[in-house]
Amino acid sequence: MSDPNVLEPRWDAELSDAPFLVRVARVGAHAGSQELGASVYEIDPGGRVSPYHLHHGNEELLVVLSGTPELRTPSGVRTLQPGAVVAFPAGPDGAHAVRNASGRPARVLLVSTMRFPEVAEHLDTGATLAVMGAGEGRVFPSGTDVPVWDAVTRAAQADADAGAS
């Protein structure tokens, strides 16, 4: 088995429906990482990685590999250049969303601690996610319990509909 490569990734998933328009390679898992997640995202023009969110239990780090993705944080929106490295600490100061407002694909590497259970919030929709493991969990408030991926998709679509970046 060969080592994963962030410059020539083997894509694990392709999300070709708006608002995502992204491919993902879970390079950390393929390398055998146990406590760190690392995923390469190739974001098509107009696509996004996720809705505006924060994590209460995990820290993330973004590295721009190519292109000029747009980053939304509590400080506002800015365009990142290749090579940029941005940290998202756990809690409100680490809120973020990454999208590609340019006309060319952008590629980023997102690294994360993998502490479970985890609580995350989609700030534009008010949804709270209880994440029990990678890709597993439920979304609240009470009575609105839906699978995590459904909530992520709904929140990202709400961001796109509102013109949020």
N, C-alpha and C. Protein backbone atom coordinates (compact mmCIF):
# COMPACT_ATOMS: atom_id res chain seq x y z
N MET A 1 0.85 -1.19 0.00
CA MET A 1 0.00 0.00 0.00
C MET A 1 0.89 1.24 0.00
N SER A 2 0.57 2.20 -0.84
CA SER A 2 1.37 3.42 -0.92
C SER A 2 0.85 4.45 0.08
N ASP A 3 1.74 5.36 0.44
CA ASP A 3 1.37 6.45 1.34
C ASP A 3 0.45 7.43 0.62
N PRO A 4 -0.52 8.00 1.32
CA PRO A 4 -1.37 9.02 0.68
C PRO A 4 -0.54 10.25 0.32
N ASN A 5 -1.02 11.00 -0.68
CA ASN A 5 -0.28 12.15 -1.18
C ASN A 5 -1.25 13.32 -1.33
N VAL A 6 -0.96 14.44 -0.67
CA VAL A 6 -1.86 15.60 -0.73
C VAL A 6 -1.81 16.30 -2.09
N LEU A 7 -0.75 16.07 -2.87
CA LEU A 7 -0.64 16.70 -4.18
C LEU A 7 -1.30 15.86 -5.27
N GLU A 8 -1.42 14.56 -5.02
CA GLU A 8 -2.08 13.64 -5.96
C GLU A 8 -3.01 12.72 -5.16
N PRO A 9 -4.05 13.28 -4.57
CA PRO A 9 -4.91 12.48 -3.68
C PRO A 9 -5.79 11.49 -4.45
N ARG A 10 -6.16 10.44 -3.77
CA ARG A 10 -7.18 9.51 -4.25
C ARG A 10 -8.45 9.91 -3.52
N TRP A 11 -9.41 10.41 -4.24
CA TRP A 11 -10.62 10.97 -3.64
C TRP A 11 -11.49 9.87 -3.03
N ASP A 12 -11.94 10.11 -1.79
CA ASP A 12 -12.84 9.18 -1.09
C ASP A 12 -14.29 9.50 -1.39
N ALA A 13 -14.58 10.75 -1.64
CA ALA A 13 -15.96 11.16 -1.90
C ALA A 13 -15.97 12.38 -2.80
N GLU A 14 -17.04 12.49 -3.58
CA GLU A 14 -17.26 13.67 -4.40
C GLU A 14 -18.68 14.15 -4.16
N LEU A 15 -18.81 15.40 -3.74
CA LEU A 15 -20.12 16.00 -3.50
C LEU A 15 -20.36 16.97 -4.64
N SER A 16 -21.17 16.53 -5.60
CA SER A 16 -21.35 17.31 -6.82
C SER A 16 -22.62 18.14 -6.83
N ASP A 17 -23.34 18.15 -5.70
CA ASP A 17 -24.55 18.96 -5.60
C ASP A 17 -24.26 20.23 -4.81
N ALA A 18 -24.83 21.36 -5.29
CA ALA A 18 -24.69 22.62 -4.56
C ALA A 18 -25.31 22.43 -3.18
N PRO A 19 -24.77 23.05 -2.15
CA PRO A 19 -23.73 24.08 -2.22
C PRO A 19 -22.31 23.54 -2.07
N PHE A 20 -22.10 22.23 -1.99
CA PHE A 20 -20.75 21.73 -1.70
C PHE A 20 -19.80 21.79 -2.89
N LEU A 21 -20.01 21.03 -3.94
CA LEU A 21 -19.13 21.04 -5.12
C LEU A 21 -17.68 20.83 -4.70
N VAL A 22 -17.43 19.69 -4.06
CA VAL A 22 -16.12 19.44 -3.46
C VAL A 22 -15.78 17.95 -3.52
N ARG A 23 -14.49 17.66 -3.58
CA ARG A 23 -13.98 16.30 -3.44
C ARG A 23 -13.16 16.24 -2.17
N VAL A 24 -13.14 15.06 -1.53
CA VAL A 24 -12.41 14.92 -0.28
C VAL A 24 -11.61 13.63 -0.28
N ALA A 25 -10.38 13.74 0.25
CA ALA A 25 -9.51 12.58 0.45
C ALA A 25 -9.11 12.59 1.93
N ARG A 26 -9.43 11.54 2.63
CA ARG A 26 -9.13 11.44 4.06
C ARG A 26 -7.72 10.89 4.26
N VAL A 27 -6.74 11.74 4.01
CA VAL A 27 -5.35 11.32 3.99
C VAL A 27 -4.83 10.90 5.37
N GLY A 28 -5.32 11.50 6.42
CA GLY A 28 -4.90 11.11 7.77
C GLY A 28 -5.29 9.68 8.08
N ALA A 29 -6.53 9.33 7.81
CA ALA A 29 -7.01 7.96 8.05
C ALA A 29 -6.24 6.97 7.18
N HIS A 30 -5.98 7.33 5.92
CA HIS A 30 -5.26 6.43 5.02
C HIS A 30 -3.80 6.26 5.44
N ALA A 31 -3.26 7.25 6.13
CA ALA A 31 -1.88 7.15 6.62
C ALA A 31 -1.82 6.38 7.95
N GLY A 32 -2.98 6.10 8.54
CA GLY A 32 -3.02 5.36 9.80
C GLY A 32 -3.12 6.22 11.04
N SER A 33 -3.41 7.50 10.88
CA SER A 33 -3.52 8.41 12.02
C SER A 33 -4.64 7.96 12.96
N GLN A 34 -4.39 8.01 14.24
CA GLN A 34 -5.36 7.60 15.25
C GLN A 34 -6.03 8.78 15.96
N GLU A 35 -5.28 9.85 16.21
CA GLU A 35 -5.80 10.96 16.99
C GLU A 35 -5.88 12.28 16.22
N LEU A 36 -5.43 12.28 14.98
CA LEU A 36 -5.53 13.46 14.13
C LEU A 36 -6.27 13.09 12.86
N GLY A 37 -7.18 13.96 12.47
CA GLY A 37 -7.82 13.83 11.16
C GLY A 37 -7.12 14.78 10.22
N ALA A 38 -6.98 14.37 8.97
CA ALA A 38 -6.40 15.24 7.95
C ALA A 38 -7.08 14.90 6.64
N SER A 39 -7.71 15.91 6.04
CA SER A 39 -8.42 15.69 4.78
C SER A 39 -8.06 16.78 3.79
N VAL A 40 -7.85 16.36 2.55
CA VAL A 40 -7.65 17.28 1.44
C VAL A 40 -9.01 17.51 0.81
N TYR A 41 -9.35 18.78 0.59
CA TYR A 41 -10.59 19.16 -0.09
C TYR A 41 -10.22 19.91 -1.35
N GLU A 42 -10.77 19.49 -2.47
CA GLU A 42 -10.65 20.26 -3.70
C GLU A 42 -12.03 20.86 -3.95
N ILE A 43 -12.09 22.19 -3.89
CA ILE A 43 -13.36 22.92 -3.94
C ILE A 43 -13.52 23.55 -5.31
N ASP A 44 -14.57 23.16 -6.01
CA ASP A 44 -14.86 23.75 -7.31
C ASP A 44 -15.35 25.19 -7.14
N PRO A 45 -15.28 26.01 -8.18
CA PRO A 45 -15.82 27.37 -8.10
C PRO A 45 -17.27 27.35 -7.61
N GLY A 46 -17.55 28.20 -6.62
CA GLY A 46 -18.88 28.27 -6.03
C GLY A 46 -19.15 27.24 -4.95
N GLY A 47 -18.21 26.34 -4.70
CA GLY A 47 -18.39 25.29 -3.70
C GLY A 47 -17.90 25.70 -2.32
N ARG A 48 -18.17 24.85 -1.37
CA ARG A 48 -17.75 25.08 0.01
C ARG A 48 -17.43 23.77 0.70
N VAL A 49 -16.66 23.87 1.78
CA VAL A 49 -16.31 22.69 2.57
C VAL A 49 -17.40 22.40 3.60
N SER A 50 -17.93 23.44 4.23
CA SER A 50 -18.93 23.25 5.28
C SER A 50 -19.66 24.57 5.54
N PRO A 51 -20.74 24.51 6.31
CA PRO A 51 -21.38 25.76 6.74
C PRO A 51 -20.52 26.45 7.81
N TYR A 52 -20.86 27.69 8.13
CA TYR A 52 -20.18 28.44 9.18
C TYR A 52 -20.43 27.72 10.49
N HIS A 53 -19.35 27.29 11.16
CA HIS A 53 -19.50 26.45 12.34
C HIS A 53 -18.32 26.63 13.30
N LEU A 54 -18.51 26.07 14.48
CA LEU A 54 -17.42 25.99 15.46
C LEU A 54 -17.49 24.64 16.16
N HIS A 55 -16.36 24.25 16.73
CA HIS A 55 -16.26 23.02 17.50
C HIS A 55 -15.98 23.37 18.95
N HIS A 56 -16.60 22.65 19.86
CA HIS A 56 -16.33 22.87 21.28
C HIS A 56 -15.21 21.98 21.81
N GLY A 57 -14.95 20.85 21.14
CA GLY A 57 -13.96 19.91 21.67
C GLY A 57 -12.75 19.69 20.80
N ASN A 58 -12.74 20.22 19.58
CA ASN A 58 -11.64 19.96 18.67
C ASN A 58 -11.09 21.24 18.07
N GLU A 59 -9.81 21.21 17.81
CA GLU A 59 -9.13 22.31 17.14
C GLU A 59 -8.85 21.89 15.71
N GLU A 60 -8.90 22.85 14.78
CA GLU A 60 -8.60 22.57 13.39
C GLU A 60 -7.52 23.52 12.87
N LEU A 61 -6.86 23.09 11.82
CA LEU A 61 -5.82 23.87 11.16
C LEU A 61 -6.03 23.74 9.67
N LEU A 62 -6.03 24.86 8.97
CA LEU A 62 -6.22 24.90 7.52
C LEU A 62 -4.92 25.29 6.85
N VAL A 63 -4.54 24.56 5.78
CA VAL A 63 -3.38 24.89 4.97
C VAL A 63 -3.88 25.00 3.53
N VAL A 64 -3.66 26.13 2.90
CA VAL A 64 -4.06 26.30 1.50
C VAL A 64 -2.97 25.71 0.62
N LEU A 65 -3.35 24.69 -0.16
CA LEU A 65 -2.41 24.03 -1.06
C LEU A 65 -2.37 24.70 -2.43
N SER A 66 -3.53 25.16 -2.91
CA SER A 66 -3.58 25.86 -4.20
C SER A 66 -4.88 26.64 -4.30
N GLY A 67 -4.90 27.60 -5.20
CA GLY A 67 -6.09 28.42 -5.37
C GLY A 67 -6.18 29.51 -4.32
N THR A 68 -7.33 30.19 -4.32
CA THR A 68 -7.55 31.31 -3.40
C THR A 68 -8.91 31.18 -2.73
N PRO A 69 -9.04 30.26 -1.77
CA PRO A 69 -10.33 30.10 -1.09
C PRO A 69 -10.65 31.31 -0.23
N GLU A 70 -11.93 31.45 0.05
CA GLU A 70 -12.42 32.54 0.90
C GLU A 70 -12.71 31.95 2.27
N LEU A 71 -12.27 32.66 3.31
CA LEU A 71 -12.44 32.22 4.69
C LEU A 71 -13.32 33.19 5.45
N ARG A 72 -14.34 32.68 6.10
CA ARG A 72 -15.17 33.49 7.00
C ARG A 72 -14.85 33.09 8.43
N THR A 73 -14.55 34.09 9.27
CA THR A 73 -14.29 33.89 10.70
C THR A 73 -15.04 34.98 11.46
N PRO A 74 -14.98 34.97 12.80
CA PRO A 74 -15.62 36.06 13.54
C PRO A 74 -15.05 37.44 13.19
N SER A 75 -13.85 37.49 12.62
CA SER A 75 -13.24 38.77 12.23
C SER A 75 -13.71 39.26 10.87
N GLY A 76 -14.44 38.42 10.12
CA GLY A 76 -14.91 38.82 8.80
C GLY A 76 -14.52 37.81 7.74
N VAL A 77 -14.57 38.27 6.51
CA VAL A 77 -14.28 37.41 5.36
C VAL A 77 -12.99 37.90 4.71
N ARG A 78 -12.13 36.94 4.33
CA ARG A 78 -10.91 37.30 3.62
C ARG A 78 -10.54 36.18 2.65
N THR A 79 -9.78 36.56 1.63
CA THR A 79 -9.30 35.60 0.65
C THR A 79 -7.91 35.15 1.06
N LEU A 80 -7.70 33.85 1.02
CA LEU A 80 -6.41 33.27 1.39
C LEU A 80 -5.59 32.95 0.15
N GLN A 81 -4.30 33.01 0.30
CA GLN A 81 -3.37 32.71 -0.79
C GLN A 81 -2.74 31.34 -0.58
N PRO A 82 -2.22 30.71 -1.64
CA PRO A 82 -1.54 29.44 -1.48
C PRO A 82 -0.43 29.53 -0.43
N GLY A 83 -0.37 28.52 0.42
CA GLY A 83 0.61 28.50 1.50
C GLY A 83 0.09 29.04 2.82
N ALA A 84 -1.05 29.73 2.82
CA ALA A 84 -1.59 30.29 4.06
C ALA A 84 -1.93 29.15 5.04
N VAL A 85 -1.68 29.43 6.32
CA VAL A 85 -1.99 28.49 7.40
C VAL A 85 -2.82 29.24 8.43
N VAL A 86 -4.01 28.70 8.76
CA VAL A 86 -4.90 29.36 9.71
C VAL A 86 -5.37 28.34 10.74
N ALA A 87 -5.30 28.72 12.02
CA ALA A 87 -5.75 27.85 13.11
C ALA A 87 -7.15 28.24 13.56
N PHE A 88 -7.94 27.23 13.92
CA PHE A 88 -9.28 27.43 14.45
C PHE A 88 -9.35 26.74 15.81
N PRO A 89 -9.12 27.50 16.90
CA PRO A 89 -9.18 26.89 18.23
C PRO A 89 -10.60 26.45 18.56
N ALA A 90 -10.73 25.55 19.50
CA ALA A 90 -12.05 25.14 19.95
C ALA A 90 -12.76 26.35 20.57
N GLY A 91 -14.06 26.43 20.36
CA GLY A 91 -14.86 27.50 20.93
C GLY A 91 -15.19 28.59 19.93
N PRO A 92 -15.87 29.65 20.39
CA PRO A 92 -16.36 30.70 19.49
C PRO A 92 -15.29 31.40 18.66
N ASP A 93 -14.08 31.55 19.19
CA ASP A 93 -13.02 32.22 18.43
C ASP A 93 -12.58 31.42 17.21
N GLY A 94 -12.92 30.12 17.18
CA GLY A 94 -12.52 29.27 16.07
C GLY A 94 -13.60 29.06 15.02
N ALA A 95 -14.67 29.82 15.08
CA ALA A 95 -15.74 29.68 14.08
C ALA A 95 -15.19 29.96 12.69
N HIS A 96 -15.65 29.15 11.71
CA HIS A 96 -15.12 29.33 10.36
C HIS A 96 -15.99 28.65 9.31
N ALA A 97 -15.81 29.10 8.08
CA ALA A 97 -16.37 28.46 6.90
C ALA A 97 -15.40 28.73 5.76
N VAL A 98 -15.22 27.74 4.89
CA VAL A 98 -14.32 27.87 3.76
C VAL A 98 -15.13 27.63 2.49
N ARG A 99 -15.00 28.56 1.55
CA ARG A 99 -15.68 28.39 0.27
C ARG A 99 -14.77 28.90 -0.84
N ASN A 100 -15.16 28.62 -2.06
CA ASN A 100 -14.36 29.05 -3.20
C ASN A 100 -15.19 30.01 -4.04
N ALA A 101 -14.91 31.30 -3.90
CA ALA A 101 -15.63 32.32 -4.66
C ALA A 101 -14.91 32.64 -5.97
N SER A 102 -13.77 32.01 -6.21
CA SER A 102 -13.01 32.29 -7.44
C SER A 102 -13.54 31.45 -8.60
N GLY A 103 -12.98 31.67 -9.76
CA GLY A 103 -13.38 30.94 -10.95
C GLY A 103 -12.54 29.70 -11.22
N ARG A 104 -11.60 29.38 -10.31
CA ARG A 104 -10.72 28.21 -10.47
C ARG A 104 -10.79 27.34 -9.24
N PRO A 105 -10.56 26.03 -9.35
CA PRO A 105 -10.58 25.16 -8.17
C PRO A 105 -9.57 25.61 -7.12
N ALA A 106 -9.89 25.34 -5.87
CA ALA A 106 -8.99 25.60 -4.74
C ALA A 106 -8.81 24.29 -4.00
N ARG A 107 -7.63 24.09 -3.44
CA ARG A 107 -7.37 22.87 -2.69
C ARG A 107 -6.82 23.25 -1.31
N VAL A 108 -7.41 22.66 -0.27
CA VAL A 108 -6.98 22.93 1.10
C VAL A 108 -6.78 21.61 1.84
N LEU A 109 -5.93 21.65 2.85
CA LEU A 109 -5.74 20.55 3.78
C LEU A 109 -6.29 21.00 5.12
N LEU A 110 -7.23 20.25 5.67
CA LEU A 110 -7.75 20.54 7.01
C LEU A 110 -7.30 19.43 7.95
N VAL A 111 -6.64 19.84 9.04
CA VAL A 111 -6.16 18.92 10.06
C VAL A 111 -6.95 19.20 11.32
N SER A 112 -7.34 18.14 12.03
CA SER A 112 -8.17 18.31 13.22
C SER A 112 -7.80 17.29 14.29
N THR A 113 -7.87 17.72 15.55
CA THR A 113 -7.85 16.73 16.61
C THR A 113 -9.14 15.93 16.47
N MET A 114 -9.15 14.71 16.95
CA MET A 114 -10.32 13.83 16.78
C MET A 114 -10.80 13.37 18.16
N ARG A 115 -11.32 14.30 18.93
CA ARG A 115 -11.83 13.99 20.27
C ARG A 115 -13.34 13.78 20.21
N PHE A 116 -13.78 12.66 20.72
CA PHE A 116 -15.21 12.35 20.75
C PHE A 116 -15.59 11.92 22.16
N PRO A 117 -16.81 12.19 22.57
CA PRO A 117 -17.84 12.92 21.84
C PRO A 117 -17.48 14.39 21.69
N GLU A 118 -18.11 15.01 20.72
CA GLU A 118 -17.83 16.40 20.34
C GLU A 118 -19.16 17.14 20.15
N VAL A 119 -19.15 18.41 20.44
CA VAL A 119 -20.30 19.26 20.19
C VAL A 119 -19.86 20.35 19.21
N ALA A 120 -20.62 20.50 18.14
CA ALA A 120 -20.34 21.54 17.15
C ALA A 120 -21.62 22.34 16.93
N GLU A 121 -21.46 23.58 16.51
CA GLU A 121 -22.62 24.44 16.25
C GLU A 121 -22.53 25.01 14.84
N HIS A 122 -23.66 24.99 14.14
CA HIS A 122 -23.81 25.71 12.88
C HIS A 122 -24.42 27.06 13.24
N LEU A 123 -23.61 28.09 13.21
CA LEU A 123 -23.98 29.37 13.79
C LEU A 123 -25.08 30.10 13.03
N ASP A 124 -25.18 29.95 11.72
CA ASP A 124 -26.20 30.66 10.97
C ASP A 124 -27.58 30.04 11.11
N THR A 125 -27.64 28.76 11.45
CA THR A 125 -28.94 28.09 11.57
C THR A 125 -29.32 27.80 13.01
N GLY A 126 -28.38 27.89 13.95
CA GLY A 126 -28.67 27.59 15.34
C GLY A 126 -28.68 26.11 15.66
N ALA A 127 -28.31 25.26 14.72
CA ALA A 127 -28.28 23.83 14.96
C ALA A 127 -27.08 23.47 15.82
N THR A 128 -27.28 22.52 16.72
CA THR A 128 -26.22 21.97 17.55
C THR A 128 -26.04 20.51 17.18
N LEU A 129 -24.80 20.11 16.95
CA LEU A 129 -24.51 18.74 16.57
C LEU A 129 -23.83 18.02 17.73
N ALA A 130 -24.36 16.88 18.09
CA ALA A 130 -23.71 15.99 19.04
C ALA A 130 -23.05 14.91 18.20
N VAL A 131 -21.73 14.93 18.16
CA VAL A 131 -20.99 14.03 17.28
C VAL A 131 -20.35 12.94 18.15
N MET A 132 -20.77 11.71 17.91
CA MET A 132 -20.30 10.60 18.74
C MET A 132 -19.02 9.95 18.19
N GLY A 133 -18.77 10.12 16.91
CA GLY A 133 -17.59 9.57 16.26
C GLY A 133 -17.53 10.15 14.86
N ALA A 134 -16.49 9.81 14.13
CA ALA A 134 -16.34 10.34 12.78
C ALA A 134 -17.57 9.98 11.94
N GLY A 135 -18.32 11.00 11.53
CA GLY A 135 -19.50 10.80 10.70
C GLY A 135 -20.73 10.30 11.42
N GLU A 136 -20.70 10.21 12.75
CA GLU A 136 -21.86 9.73 13.50
C GLU A 136 -22.32 10.79 14.48
N GLY A 137 -23.63 10.92 14.62
CA GLY A 137 -24.15 11.85 15.60
C GLY A 137 -25.55 12.29 15.27
N ARG A 138 -26.04 13.25 16.03
CA ARG A 138 -27.39 13.77 15.86
C ARG A 138 -27.36 15.29 15.98
N VAL A 139 -28.44 15.90 15.45
CA VAL A 139 -28.56 17.35 15.44
C VAL A 139 -29.76 17.75 16.26
N PHE A 140 -29.62 18.81 17.03
CA PHE A 140 -30.67 19.28 17.92
C PHE A 140 -30.90 20.76 17.69
N PRO A 141 -31.93 21.43 18.05
CA PRO A 141 -32.68 21.32 19.29
C PRO A 141 -33.66 20.15 19.30
N SER A 142 -34.13 19.86 20.49
CA SER A 142 -35.04 18.74 20.71
C SER A 142 -36.19 18.80 19.72
N GLY A 143 -36.54 17.62 19.19
CA GLY A 143 -37.63 17.56 18.23
C GLY A 143 -37.19 17.74 16.80
N THR A 144 -35.94 18.14 16.60
CA THR A 144 -35.43 18.32 15.24
C THR A 144 -34.29 17.35 14.97
N ASP A 145 -34.23 16.29 15.72
CA ASP A 145 -33.17 15.30 15.62
C ASP A 145 -33.11 14.72 14.20
N VAL A 146 -32.03 15.01 13.50
CA VAL A 146 -31.83 14.50 12.14
C VAL A 146 -30.41 13.98 12.03
N PRO A 147 -30.12 13.11 11.07
CA PRO A 147 -28.74 12.67 10.87
C PRO A 147 -27.82 13.85 10.60
N VAL A 148 -26.58 13.74 11.06
CA VAL A 148 -25.61 14.83 10.96
C VAL A 148 -25.45 15.31 9.53
N TRP A 149 -25.29 14.40 8.57
CA TRP A 149 -25.04 14.84 7.20
C TRP A 149 -26.21 15.64 6.65
N ASP A 150 -27.45 15.26 7.02
CA ASP A 150 -28.62 16.04 6.58
C ASP A 150 -28.55 17.46 7.11
N ALA A 151 -28.15 17.61 8.37
CA ALA A 151 -28.06 18.94 8.97
C ALA A 151 -26.95 19.77 8.34
N VAL A 152 -25.81 19.14 8.06
CA VAL A 152 -24.70 19.86 7.42
C VAL A 152 -25.14 20.36 6.05
N THR A 153 -25.81 19.51 5.29
CA THR A 153 -26.28 19.90 3.97
C THR A 153 -27.29 21.04 4.05
N ARG A 154 -28.24 20.93 4.99
CA ARG A 154 -29.24 22.00 5.15
C ARG A 154 -28.60 23.31 5.56
N ALA A 155 -27.64 23.25 6.49
CA ALA A 155 -26.99 24.48 6.96
C ALA A 155 -26.16 25.12 5.84
N ALA A 156 -25.46 24.30 5.08
CA ALA A 156 -24.68 24.85 3.97
C ALA A 156 -25.58 25.48 2.92
N GLN A 157 -26.71 24.85 2.66
CA GLN A 157 -27.65 25.42 1.69
C GLN A 157 -28.22 26.74 2.22
N ALA A 158 -28.51 26.80 3.54
CA ALA A 158 -29.00 28.05 4.13
C ALA A 158 -27.95 29.14 4.01
N ASP A 159 -26.67 28.80 4.23
CA ASP A 159 -25.57 29.77 4.06
C ASP A 159 -25.55 30.28 2.62
N ALA A 160 -25.64 29.35 1.67
CA ALA A 160 -25.58 29.73 0.26
C ALA A 160 -26.79 30.60 -0.12
N ASP A 161 -27.96 30.23 0.36
CA ASP A 161 -29.17 30.99 0.05
C ASP A 161 -29.12 32.40 0.62
N ALA A 162 -28.49 32.53 1.78
CA ALA A 162 -28.40 33.85 2.44
C ALA A 162 -27.24 34.68 1.88
N GLY A 163 -26.44 34.06 1.02
CA GLY A 163 -25.30 34.79 0.48
C GLY A 163 -24.14 34.84 1.43
N ALA A 164 -24.18 33.98 2.50
CA ALA A 164 -23.09 33.94 3.47
C ALA A 164 -21.89 33.27 2.84
N SER A 165 -20.72 33.65 3.30
CA SER A 165 -19.52 33.03 2.77
C SER A 165 -18.72 32.41 3.87
